[in-house]
Amino acid sequence: MAISFAHTYAQLPEHFFYRQAPTPVPNPQLIQVNLPLAQELGIDSDWIKSPEGLAMLSGNQLPASCDPLALAYAGHQFGGFVPRLGDGRALLLGELKGRDIQLKGSGRTPFSRGGDGKSALGPVLREYLVSEAMFALGVPTTRALAAVTTGERILRQEGEVSGGILTRVAASHIRVGTFQYFAAQDDQEAVQILADYSIKRHYPKAESYLELLESVISAQALLIAHWMSLGFIHGVMNTDNFSISGETIDYGPCAFMDEFHPECVFSSIDRGSRYAWSKQAQIAHWNLTRFAETLLPLLAPTPDEAIPIAEEALKQFGPQFRSHYQTRFRAKLGLPHDAPPAFIEETLGVLANQQLDFTLFFRELTKLAGDRETSFFNSLEEWVKKWRQLSQPDLAEMQAHNPILIPRNHRIEEAIQAAERGDYTPFHRFSKAWQNPYSESPDSADLEKPPLPEEKVQQTFCGT
C-alpha cells in the first residue's frame, strides 16, 4: 500500500523547519498500533502492522511520499524565554486527512541542543496511554497512532533504559512558541504567513487576525476547564507546549490527581508549583497574552492602537473559562444551571480538607444520585444535606461527566515497569480498559481504586 502524505507545512518558507531524516534503529518491534485511528486516517490495517509499516513507525524506511521536517519554535519555559527550541527529537512525516503525523524519539535534529534525540520507552507508553485515555474522556487532544521499541538502550538520569518511538497524530504542531520564534527575530512577514496558514488550517471562519486570537482564546478556555473538571494536571504548560488548535499536546510530567488538593503538582521540574492544578487557567491566560504579543503588528498599524485591541480580546478568557468550568462542575455535581458557584468551591474545599480522592468522590456521588448503595459519604452528612437541597440530578448527565476510570499514575508506572522487563500485559490491559472510562465493567473494577500508600506516585518526569 502506498501512503500519500500531503505537505502543506513544508510549503511554508524554509526557515520554518529543517529537513531531516530519522536515525535508523537496530531492532524495532511493534508494541501497539491504534487500528481505529489508522483506519480513520485512511491507512490499511494490514499494511501498518507489516514489516513495511513497522519500518515507517520506527523511522528506518519511510514511504516515498514522506518529507520529514523538524519544526522551528521558541518558548517560555517556566517563565523564562528561550528563543530557539524546535523539534529536538521529533519529525513531522507529513499530513493525512488534514492531520499531522509525527515521530517522537526519532533521533537528533538541528534543534537537539546536545541531546540524543531519542525517547525512553517510559514516556512513549505514558503518552500513548494518557493521550488515548484523554480522547476517550472527550478531551481535545493529540492522538497516539503507534508505539514501538527500538532495540537499543539509551542513557538517562536513572541509568540505561529501553528506547522507544511514538507516532503522534495532531491537528497540527503549531504552538504559541512557533509564533514567538519569528516574533523574537522581528520577522513580521513570517508571523503573518504563519497566522494566515493557521487561519486556513484551524479557523477558516476567522475573517481577521483579531478573530484568530479570539478563536484561540475560546479554544483554550474550553480545554483548560475540561482538564480541571477531570483533575488533570498538564505539568509543563510552557508556551512551546501550548497548541493554537486547542488540543492537549505533550504528555510529559502530566498526571491525574488522586487525593484532591488545589495546589497539587507532580512534575519533577515544576519546583515553584507554577503549573499546579488551580493555576492552569491563570497560566493559560499568561500564555495567550504571549500569543497576543506576537500578533500586535497584525492587529493595528501601531502598538498604541494594537495593545488595547489585544487586551480587550484577552479579557474574554476569564468569563469564558469560568462559564465552562462552572457548567462542567454543575454537571458533575448534578446541580441546576443556576446553582451558586460558591457551592462548587465549597465542595472542592471539603475534598481538600478530607483528602478525598477526586475521581472516586464524583463516581460515588453519581451512585448516590441514582439511589445506589454507597458508604462513601457517611462522614459527610452536612455536605450531603446541603447537596440534596441544591441538586436536581440528571443522572445521565452526571454519568457523562464523571468517569469511572482514569489513567491513574500508579497504573501507568506499573505498565512502564513491566514493559522494561519485556511484559506488555499491563500496558495492553490498561489501554483497552481506559477506552471505556464511563462504563462499569467487572473486569476493570480494580482499576477504579486509588493507590495504596506504598503505590502512590509523588513525581512524574519529562523523560527527555
Foldseek 3Di string as FASTA:
>chain_A
DADAFAAPVVPADPVQWDFDQFDAFDDKDFPDFDVVVCVVLVHDPVCCNDPNVSCCQQRNDHGPNWGWIWGWFWWQWLNRTGLTAIQQQKIFRGDTPLKTKMKQQRAGDPRVVPDGSGFFLLQQLQCQLAQLLCVLLVAFAKHWRTKMWRPDWDQDPVGTGTTMMTIIIGNYQDFLRSLSNCVVVVNLVSNVVVLVVCCVSAPVVDPFSLSLLLLLLLLQLLRLLLCLLQQKFQQTVMRSQGHSNSHRGARFFIFHFFQDDQLAHFAPPPPVSCRGSVCPLVVVLVSSVSSLVSCQVRQDPDNVVRVVSSVVSSVVNVVSNVLSNLVLQCLLLQFPSPFDPVLSVVVSVVSNVVRHTSLVVSVVSLCVVVVHDDCPCVVVVVNVVVSVVGHDHPSVSNLSRRFQAHPHPLLSVVQSVCVSVVDNVSSVVSSVVSSNRSDDDPVCNVRSDDDDPVSDRRHTGRRD
